Protein backbone atom coordinates (compact mmCIF):
# COMPACT_ATOMS: atom_id res chain seq x y z
CA MET A 1 -84.15 22.94 -57.76
CA ALA A 2 -80.78 24.09 -59.05
CA LEU A 3 -78.97 21.67 -56.77
CA TRP A 4 -80.41 18.72 -58.73
CA LEU A 5 -79.09 19.86 -62.09
CA GLU A 6 -76.18 17.93 -63.60
CA PRO A 7 -72.99 19.94 -64.28
CA ASP A 8 -73.22 19.25 -68.01
CA SER A 9 -76.87 20.24 -68.33
CA GLU A 10 -77.55 22.59 -71.20
CA ASN A 11 -78.56 26.19 -70.64
CA ILE A 12 -77.55 26.10 -66.96
CA THR A 13 -78.25 29.41 -65.28
CA PRO A 14 -75.61 31.35 -63.36
CA GLU A 15 -77.59 30.79 -60.15
CA ALA A 16 -77.66 27.02 -60.73
CA GLN A 17 -73.93 27.00 -61.46
CA THR A 18 -73.29 28.83 -58.21
CA ASP A 19 -75.31 26.20 -56.32
CA LEU A 20 -73.44 23.37 -58.04
CA ASP A 21 -70.08 24.93 -57.22
CA ALA A 22 -71.15 25.29 -53.61
CA LEU A 23 -72.22 21.64 -53.48
CA SER A 24 -68.92 20.53 -55.04
CA ALA A 25 -67.01 22.61 -52.51
CA LEU A 26 -69.00 21.05 -49.66
CA ARG A 27 -68.23 17.59 -50.95
CA GLU A 28 -64.54 18.38 -51.34
CA SER A 29 -64.43 19.83 -47.84
CA ALA A 30 -66.15 16.73 -46.47
CA ALA A 31 -63.71 14.47 -48.32
CA ILE A 32 -60.69 16.38 -46.95
CA GLU A 33 -62.12 16.22 -43.44
CA LEU A 34 -62.76 12.48 -43.77
CA LYS A 35 -59.24 11.91 -45.09
CA GLU A 36 -57.71 13.77 -42.14
CA LYS A 37 -59.94 11.92 -39.71
CA GLY A 38 -58.87 8.63 -41.30
CA ASN A 39 -55.22 9.61 -40.84
CA GLU A 40 -55.88 10.34 -37.16
CA TYR A 41 -57.52 6.94 -36.69
CA VAL A 42 -54.46 5.23 -38.19
CA LYS A 43 -52.21 7.00 -35.67
CA LEU A 44 -54.42 5.77 -32.81
CA GLY A 45 -53.51 2.15 -33.57
CA LYS A 46 -54.99 -1.15 -34.67
CA LYS A 47 -58.18 -0.77 -32.66
CA TYR A 48 -59.20 2.11 -34.96
CA TYR A 49 -58.04 0.74 -38.32
CA LYS A 50 -61.56 -0.19 -39.42
CA ASP A 51 -62.72 3.34 -38.59
CA ALA A 52 -59.89 4.65 -40.75
CA ILE A 53 -61.00 2.44 -43.66
CA ASP A 54 -64.56 3.72 -43.23
CA CYS A 55 -63.37 7.35 -43.36
CA TYR A 56 -61.26 6.80 -46.50
CA SER A 57 -64.14 4.94 -48.16
CA ARG A 58 -66.59 7.73 -47.44
CA ALA A 59 -64.08 10.30 -48.70
CA ILE A 60 -63.73 8.36 -51.98
CA GLN A 61 -67.52 8.17 -52.28
CA GLN A 62 -67.74 11.97 -52.27
CA LYS A 63 -66.22 11.89 -55.79
CA SER A 64 -65.11 15.46 -55.30
CA MET A 65 -61.32 15.22 -55.46
CA ASP A 66 -59.11 15.23 -58.52
CA ALA A 67 -57.34 12.08 -59.70
CA VAL A 68 -54.12 12.75 -57.76
CA ASN A 69 -55.88 13.26 -54.42
CA THR A 70 -58.27 10.36 -54.99
CA SER A 71 -55.22 8.22 -55.72
CA ILE A 72 -53.84 9.21 -52.30
CA LEU A 73 -57.09 8.11 -50.64
CA HIS A 74 -56.86 4.69 -52.29
CA ALA A 75 -53.19 4.39 -51.31
CA ASN A 76 -54.00 5.30 -47.72
CA ARG A 77 -56.77 2.72 -47.57
CA ALA A 78 -54.38 0.17 -49.10
CA GLN A 79 -51.94 0.82 -46.25
CA VAL A 80 -54.59 0.15 -43.60
CA HIS A 81 -55.67 -3.04 -45.37
CA LEU A 82 -52.02 -4.11 -45.37
CA LEU A 83 -51.77 -3.49 -41.63
CA LEU A 84 -54.87 -5.65 -41.11
CA GLY A 85 -53.58 -8.41 -43.38
CA ASN A 86 -56.30 -7.82 -45.98
CA ASN A 87 -53.81 -8.27 -48.79
CA ARG A 88 -56.28 -8.73 -51.63
CA HIS A 89 -58.10 -5.49 -50.73
CA ALA A 90 -54.74 -3.76 -50.28
CA LEU A 91 -53.63 -4.82 -53.76
CA ASP A 92 -56.94 -3.74 -55.32
CA ASP A 93 -56.69 -0.29 -53.72
CA ALA A 94 -53.05 0.09 -54.73
CA GLN A 95 -53.87 -0.78 -58.33
CA GLN A 96 -56.74 1.72 -58.34
CA ALA A 97 -54.41 4.39 -56.93
CA ILE A 98 -51.84 3.71 -59.68
CA THR A 99 -54.54 3.83 -62.36
CA LEU A 100 -55.49 7.30 -61.13
CA ASN A 101 -51.89 8.46 -60.77
CA LYS A 102 -49.01 6.33 -62.02
CA ALA A 103 -46.58 8.58 -60.14
CA ASN A 104 -48.00 7.44 -56.78
CA VAL A 105 -44.88 5.60 -55.61
CA LYS A 106 -46.36 4.78 -52.20
CA ALA A 107 -49.15 2.93 -53.96
CA CYS A 108 -46.55 0.95 -55.93
CA PHE A 109 -44.72 0.06 -52.72
CA ARG A 110 -47.88 -1.00 -50.89
CA GLY A 111 -49.20 -2.90 -53.89
CA ALA A 112 -45.89 -4.77 -54.21
CA LYS A 113 -46.02 -5.78 -50.54
CA ALA A 114 -49.59 -7.01 -50.91
CA ALA A 115 -48.79 -8.93 -54.10
CA LEU A 116 -45.80 -10.56 -52.39
CA ALA A 117 -48.00 -11.62 -49.46
CA LEU A 118 -50.47 -13.13 -51.95
CA GLY A 119 -47.69 -15.04 -53.71
CA SER A 120 -47.97 -13.00 -56.91
CA ILE A 121 -44.21 -12.65 -57.33
CA SER A 122 -44.16 -11.38 -60.90
CA GLU A 123 -46.82 -8.75 -60.15
CA ALA A 124 -44.87 -7.61 -57.08
CA ILE A 125 -41.70 -7.15 -59.16
CA GLU A 126 -43.66 -5.29 -61.81
CA LEU A 127 -45.07 -2.86 -59.22
CA CYS A 128 -41.59 -2.24 -57.77
CA SER A 129 -40.24 -1.55 -61.26
CA LEU A 130 -43.11 0.86 -61.93
CA GLY A 131 -42.36 2.79 -58.75
CA LEU A 132 -38.61 2.87 -59.40
CA LYS A 133 -39.27 4.24 -62.86
CA GLU A 134 -40.81 7.26 -61.15
CA GLU A 135 -38.25 7.42 -58.31
CA PRO A 136 -35.07 5.53 -59.24
CA GLU A 137 -33.38 6.47 -55.95
CA ASN A 138 -36.17 5.18 -53.70
CA MET A 139 -34.29 2.93 -51.26
CA GLU A 140 -37.39 1.29 -49.76
CA LEU A 141 -38.58 0.15 -53.15
CA SER A 142 -35.10 -0.98 -54.18
CA LYS A 143 -34.74 -3.10 -51.04
CA LEU A 144 -38.20 -4.56 -51.46
CA LYS A 145 -37.52 -5.41 -55.10
CA ALA A 146 -34.28 -7.18 -54.12
CA ILE A 147 -36.16 -9.23 -51.50
CA ILE A 148 -38.87 -10.16 -54.01
CA GLU A 149 -36.33 -11.12 -56.69
CA ASN A 150 -34.65 -13.37 -54.11
CA LYS A 151 -38.02 -14.97 -53.41
CA ALA A 152 -38.51 -15.44 -57.14
CA LYS A 153 -35.19 -17.30 -57.42
CA GLU A 154 -36.05 -19.49 -54.42
CA SER A 155 -39.48 -20.20 -55.86
CA ALA A 156 -38.02 -21.11 -59.25
CA ALA A 157 -35.51 -23.44 -57.60
CA ALA A 158 -38.27 -25.07 -55.53
CA ASP A 159 -40.43 -25.48 -58.65
CA ALA A 160 -37.54 -27.07 -60.52
CA GLU A 161 -36.84 -29.44 -57.64
CA ARG A 162 -40.49 -30.39 -57.40
CA ALA A 163 -40.72 -30.93 -61.16
CA SER A 164 -37.69 -33.21 -60.93
CA LYS A 165 -39.30 -35.21 -58.11
CA VAL A 166 -42.53 -35.52 -60.08
CA ALA A 167 -40.65 -36.68 -63.19
CA LYS A 168 -38.76 -39.31 -61.17
CA ALA A 169 -41.98 -40.45 -59.49
CA GLN A 170 -43.67 -40.81 -62.89
CA VAL A 171 -40.81 -42.98 -64.17
CA LEU A 172 -40.86 -45.02 -60.96
CA ALA A 173 -44.64 -45.50 -61.10
CA SER A 174 -44.46 -46.61 -64.73
CA ILE A 175 -41.73 -49.16 -63.98
CA ILE A 176 -43.65 -50.53 -60.98
CA LEU A 177 -46.73 -51.00 -63.15
CA ASP A 178 -44.71 -52.43 -66.03
CA ARG A 179 -43.27 -54.99 -63.62
CA GLY A 180 -46.81 -56.14 -62.86
CA VAL A 181 -46.62 -55.02 -59.24
CA SER A 182 -49.86 -53.92 -57.56
CA VAL A 183 -49.58 -51.36 -54.75
CA GLY A 184 -52.40 -50.89 -52.25
CA ASN A 185 -53.07 -48.50 -49.41
CA PRO A 186 -49.94 -48.04 -47.30
CA ASP A 187 -49.74 -49.60 -43.84
CA TYR A 188 -47.00 -49.54 -41.23
CA GLU A 189 -45.71 -46.11 -42.31
CA GLU A 190 -44.50 -45.40 -38.77
CA ASN A 191 -42.53 -48.66 -38.68
CA THR A 192 -40.69 -47.86 -41.91
CA ALA A 193 -39.93 -44.15 -41.52
CA HIS A 194 -42.09 -43.48 -44.61
CA ARG A 195 -39.51 -45.08 -46.90
CA ARG A 196 -40.31 -45.48 -50.60
CA PRO A 197 -39.00 -47.73 -53.38
CA TRP A 198 -36.27 -46.32 -55.60
CA LEU A 199 -34.45 -46.98 -58.87
CA ASP A 200 -30.73 -47.48 -59.28
CA ASP A 201 -28.74 -46.38 -62.34
CA SER A 202 -29.60 -49.66 -64.08
CA LYS A 203 -33.33 -49.02 -63.55
CA LEU A 204 -33.56 -51.88 -61.04
CA LEU A 205 -36.19 -51.47 -58.35
CA HIS A 206 -35.09 -51.44 -54.73
CA TRP A 207 -37.75 -51.86 -52.08
CA PRO A 208 -37.82 -51.28 -48.35
CA VAL A 209 -39.25 -54.51 -46.89
CA LEU A 210 -40.87 -55.03 -43.52
CA LEU A 211 -40.71 -58.42 -41.76
CA LEU A 212 -43.28 -58.97 -39.03
CA TYR A 213 -43.09 -61.63 -36.30
CA PRO A 214 -46.71 -62.04 -35.19
CA GLU A 215 -45.79 -64.47 -32.39
CA SER A 216 -43.74 -61.85 -30.58
CA MET A 217 -45.14 -58.67 -32.15
CA ALA A 218 -41.57 -57.80 -33.20
CA SER A 219 -40.28 -56.69 -36.60
CA ASP A 220 -37.23 -56.37 -38.82
CA PHE A 221 -36.77 -53.76 -41.50
CA ILE A 222 -34.73 -54.39 -44.65
CA GLU A 223 -33.98 -50.94 -46.08
CA ASP A 224 -32.67 -52.14 -49.45
CA PHE A 225 -34.09 -55.29 -51.01
CA CYS A 226 -33.29 -55.34 -54.75
CA GLU A 227 -36.11 -56.77 -56.80
CA PHE A 228 -33.95 -59.61 -58.12
CA ASP A 229 -32.43 -60.55 -54.76
CA THR A 230 -33.68 -63.85 -53.36
CA PHE A 231 -35.31 -64.16 -49.97
CA ALA A 232 -32.77 -66.82 -49.04
CA ALA A 233 -29.92 -64.29 -49.23
CA HIS A 234 -31.60 -61.94 -46.79
CA LEU A 235 -32.70 -64.73 -44.45
CA ASP A 236 -29.07 -65.87 -44.32
CA ASN A 237 -28.10 -62.41 -43.06
CA ILE A 238 -30.85 -62.28 -40.44
CA PHE A 239 -30.76 -65.89 -39.17
CA GLY A 240 -27.21 -66.94 -40.03
CA PRO A 241 -25.18 -69.13 -37.66
CA ASP A 242 -23.20 -66.14 -36.38
CA VAL A 243 -26.32 -64.13 -35.56
CA ALA A 244 -27.54 -64.28 -31.96
CA SER A 245 -31.18 -65.18 -31.33
CA PRO A 246 -33.35 -62.20 -30.44
CA ALA A 247 -34.26 -61.69 -26.78
CA TRP A 248 -37.90 -62.57 -27.40
CA ASP A 249 -36.99 -66.00 -28.86
CA SER A 250 -36.09 -67.69 -25.58
CA LYS A 251 -36.74 -71.16 -27.04
CA CYS A 252 -34.58 -70.50 -30.11
CA ASN A 253 -37.39 -71.48 -32.43
CA TYR A 254 -36.47 -68.88 -35.02
CA THR A 255 -33.46 -70.48 -36.67
CA ARG A 256 -32.46 -70.41 -40.31
CA GLU A 257 -33.81 -73.90 -40.91
CA LYS A 258 -37.17 -73.32 -39.21
CA VAL A 259 -38.29 -69.87 -40.38
CA ARG A 260 -40.91 -69.52 -43.08
CA LEU A 261 -42.17 -66.40 -44.83
CA PHE A 262 -45.78 -65.65 -45.75
CA TYR A 263 -47.72 -62.81 -47.32
CA LYS A 264 -51.43 -62.05 -47.13
CA SER A 265 -53.07 -62.44 -50.52
CA ASN A 266 -55.76 -60.20 -51.99
CA LYS A 267 -55.02 -57.31 -49.64
CA GLY A 268 -56.86 -54.85 -51.90
CA PRO A 269 -57.89 -52.55 -53.34
CA LYS A 270 -54.91 -51.44 -55.38
CA LEU A 271 -54.08 -47.80 -56.00
CA SER A 272 -54.88 -46.06 -59.26
CA LYS A 273 -51.97 -44.62 -61.19
CA GLY A 274 -52.71 -41.14 -59.84
CA GLN A 275 -52.90 -42.45 -56.28
CA LEU A 276 -49.64 -44.33 -56.76
CA LEU A 277 -47.94 -41.13 -57.91
CA GLY A 278 -49.29 -39.33 -54.86
CA TYR A 279 -47.95 -42.08 -52.61
CA LEU A 280 -44.51 -42.01 -54.24
CA LEU A 281 -44.47 -38.24 -53.80
CA GLU A 282 -45.05 -38.89 -50.08
CA GLY A 283 -48.59 -37.60 -49.93
CA LYS A 284 -47.88 -34.29 -51.64
CA SER A 285 -50.62 -32.90 -53.85
CA LEU A 286 -50.25 -33.83 -57.49
CA PRO A 287 -49.49 -31.22 -60.15
CA THR A 288 -52.52 -30.32 -62.27
CA GLU A 289 -51.11 -32.00 -65.37
CA ILE A 290 -51.10 -35.46 -63.73
CA LYS A 291 -54.13 -35.23 -61.45
CA ASP A 292 -56.53 -36.73 -63.95
CA VAL A 293 -54.52 -39.76 -65.03
CA GLU A 294 -56.58 -42.79 -65.93
CA ASP A 295 -57.09 -45.27 -63.12
CA ILE A 296 -55.51 -48.69 -63.51
CA ASN A 297 -58.58 -50.08 -61.73
CA ASP A 298 -61.99 -49.10 -63.02
CA ASN A 299 -63.67 -50.34 -59.86
CA ASP A 300 -61.39 -48.88 -57.21
CA SER A 301 -64.20 -46.79 -55.79
CA GLN A 302 -66.38 -49.87 -55.21
CA PRO A 303 -66.46 -51.82 -51.92
CA TYR A 304 -64.11 -54.79 -51.85
CA LYS A 305 -64.74 -58.21 -50.39
CA TYR A 306 -61.61 -60.29 -50.55
CA LEU A 307 -60.93 -63.77 -49.26
CA HIS A 308 -57.55 -63.35 -47.62
CA GLU A 309 -55.20 -66.31 -47.65
CA TRP A 310 -51.74 -66.81 -46.26
CA LYS A 311 -49.36 -67.67 -49.08
CA ILE A 312 -45.94 -69.12 -48.38
CA VAL A 313 -42.91 -67.49 -49.98
CA PRO A 314 -40.41 -69.89 -51.57
CA GLU A 315 -36.97 -68.87 -50.32
CA LYS A 316 -35.31 -69.19 -53.70
CA SER A 317 -37.80 -66.82 -55.29
CA SER A 318 -36.74 -63.28 -56.04
CA LEU A 319 -38.64 -60.38 -54.54
CA HIS A 320 -39.96 -59.56 -58.00
CA ASP A 321 -41.32 -63.10 -58.43
CA ILE A 322 -43.50 -62.66 -55.35
CA LEU A 323 -44.51 -59.03 -55.88
CA ALA A 324 -45.67 -59.74 -59.43
CA ARG A 325 -48.13 -62.42 -58.33
CA LYS A 326 -51.70 -61.59 -59.33
CA ASP A 327 -53.02 -62.09 -55.80
CA HIS A 328 -50.35 -59.94 -54.15
CA ILE A 329 -51.32 -56.32 -53.45
CA ILE A 330 -48.59 -54.83 -51.33
CA PRO A 331 -49.54 -52.34 -48.57
CA GLY A 332 -47.37 -49.47 -49.80
CA ILE A 333 -44.20 -51.48 -49.37
CA PRO A 334 -43.75 -55.27 -49.22
CA VAL A 335 -44.67 -56.79 -45.86
CA PHE A 336 -43.95 -60.42 -45.01
CA TYR A 337 -44.82 -62.45 -41.95
CA VAL A 338 -42.13 -64.62 -40.37
CA LEU A 339 -43.16 -67.84 -38.59
CA SER A 340 -41.24 -70.74 -37.16
CA LYS A 341 -42.08 -74.33 -38.04
CA GLY A 342 -40.73 -75.25 -34.61
CA SER A 343 -43.30 -73.19 -32.74
CA SER A 344 -46.82 -74.24 -31.73
CA PHE A 345 -47.88 -70.77 -32.85
CA TYR A 346 -47.27 -71.73 -36.47
CA ASP A 347 -50.43 -73.76 -37.00
CA ASP A 348 -52.52 -71.46 -34.80
CA PHE A 349 -51.57 -68.45 -36.87
CA LEU A 350 -52.28 -70.02 -40.24
CA SER A 351 -55.64 -71.33 -39.08
CA GLY A 352 -56.59 -67.90 -37.71
CA HIS A 353 -56.64 -69.01 -34.06
CA TRP A 354 -54.36 -66.37 -32.58
């Protein structure tokens, strides 16, 4: 019966105390044996790492060692978790080891490595500093701290760059919306090298513009079309008298006088403000502070049934004039269809018979 008495029980008899001491010694002996067995498993290699963790765990469960030795058990288990890539468990064990014995420098080192792997840069630096406070000359910790501080600088620079891109995208999105331009789901990304609109120093919008030739399945790409440039100016460059006809235009139908531009109206739905920001950031996830921006379309999640029409583009119009039309939802970037009045394909295309 004496073995079931608690150590702090009142009026414990000498015989009961002897039994309790014997039990405590047995537990301590078992814990030491399990610790040594765990160490042996670690030396045997990765195949036995889980066995090592089991031994260290059972040794800790004996609750027979003092704080310093229990700290070592947690630090040892942290090392095996690190070797297995269980970084969260490794960090938890390292923190427990430090709580038991703040002078456990190995625990600081292993905890810092785990924190670094988990992306907790500040915690990793803090653990290195804690270990170096105990052992200022520890070269391993000093090197690790230098590596982590380097990572911290790189991370800060990346965060600053990303914040700058987000800020620019927010300004760009606001200007696009203020101009009355509606942007829809992007098409033809492969044809345009994922180009995006941009602002010059005067806050003028510049768009990449794709010209499609449905008769020949060919295309032209205008990398910089300022919003207040006219279509005529760009058509002069593409179909001017000194420009040779493309190989696919054997009948020379596509001349400056004969070409006409069209866009497809009501190519919806248009993107919400948050979606537009995501698009301008080239598909990157949005920062938390701008994820929940209010949609510019309350019904964007509803099915759309649009009556598409081909609308001709007056040459003397500016790009802005056409993009700001209520029925014009551009597919990421402006896309226009080029037809020739001199081709029989012209009427077929506009009537849908192609």
